[in-house]
Protein backbone atom coordinates (compact mmCIF):
# COMPACT_ATOMS: atom_id res chain seq x y z
CA MET A 1 119.69 118.12 123.27
CA PHE A 2 121.63 114.97 122.47
CA ASP A 3 123.68 112.84 124.80
CA ASP A 4 127.23 111.90 123.84
CA ASN A 5 126.24 108.57 122.27
CA GLU A 6 123.66 110.20 120.02
CA ARG A 7 126.04 112.97 119.05
CA LEU A 8 128.76 110.47 118.15
CA ALA A 9 126.30 108.34 116.15
CA ARG A 10 125.21 111.40 114.17
CA GLN A 11 128.81 112.42 113.52
CA GLU A 12 129.60 108.91 112.31
CA ALA A 13 126.52 108.87 110.05
CA TYR A 14 127.42 112.18 108.42
CA TRP A 15 131.02 111.07 107.99
CA LEU A 16 129.80 107.88 106.29
CA ILE A 17 127.65 109.92 103.91
CA LYS A 18 130.60 112.13 103.09
CA GLU A 19 132.96 109.19 102.63
CA PHE A 20 130.73 106.59 100.96
CA GLY A 21 127.75 108.54 99.62
CA ALA A 22 124.86 106.26 98.66
CA GLU A 23 126.80 103.22 99.91
CA ALA A 24 126.86 104.50 103.51
CA PRO A 25 123.89 102.37 104.69
CA LEU A 26 125.48 99.24 103.23
CA TYR A 27 128.73 99.95 105.08
CA ALA A 28 126.86 100.53 108.36
CA ALA A 29 124.84 97.34 107.89
CA MET A 30 128.02 95.34 107.35
CA LYS A 31 129.49 96.80 110.53
CA ALA A 32 126.32 95.92 112.48
CA GLU A 33 126.40 92.37 111.13
CA LYS A 34 130.05 91.95 112.09
CA ALA A 35 129.27 93.18 115.61
CA ILE A 36 126.50 90.57 115.89
CA GLU A 37 128.88 87.84 114.74
CA GLN A 38 131.31 88.92 117.46
CA LYS A 39 128.44 89.05 120.00
CA ASP A 40 129.17 92.72 120.68
CA PHE A 41 125.57 93.84 121.02
CA GLY A 42 126.40 97.29 122.33
CA ARG A 43 128.38 98.06 119.19
CA CYS A 44 125.62 96.51 117.09
CA ALA A 45 123.08 98.84 118.71
CA ARG A 46 125.28 101.81 117.84
CA TRP A 47 125.51 100.78 114.18
CA ARG A 48 121.75 100.17 114.06
CA ARG A 49 121.22 103.70 115.39
CA ILE A 50 123.56 104.99 112.68
CA LEU A 51 121.47 103.12 110.10
CA GLU A 52 118.33 104.82 111.46
CA ILE A 53 119.99 108.22 111.17
CA LEU A 54 121.06 107.44 107.61
CA ALA A 55 117.51 106.38 106.73
CA ASP A 56 116.10 109.59 108.24
CA THR A 57 118.64 111.64 106.33
CA ARG A 58 117.73 109.98 103.04
CA THR A 59 114.01 110.48 103.68
CA THR A 60 114.55 114.15 104.50
CA LYS A 61 116.64 114.74 101.39
CA SER A 62 114.11 112.89 99.24
CA ALA A 63 111.23 114.94 100.58
CA ALA A 64 113.16 118.18 100.18
CA SER A 65 114.03 117.41 96.57
CA LYS A 66 110.34 117.03 95.65
CA TYR A 67 109.66 120.69 96.44
C-alpha cells in the first residue's frame, strides 16, 4: 500500500507519460533541476522519485515488448 506522497508521485508520472510521452523524463529532470536551483530540496526529492517511477515504467514496458 502506498502513502499519499507515493500515490501522488505515481499519478504525476503517469500524467507526464500521457502528456509528454518519451519526453516525460526530460521534463521531470528539468523540474528537479529547477527545484535544486531554488533550494527546495523537498520538491526536488519528489521529482527525483517521479524520475525513478518513469525509469521503472520504461524498463517494464521494454521487457514486456521483448516477449
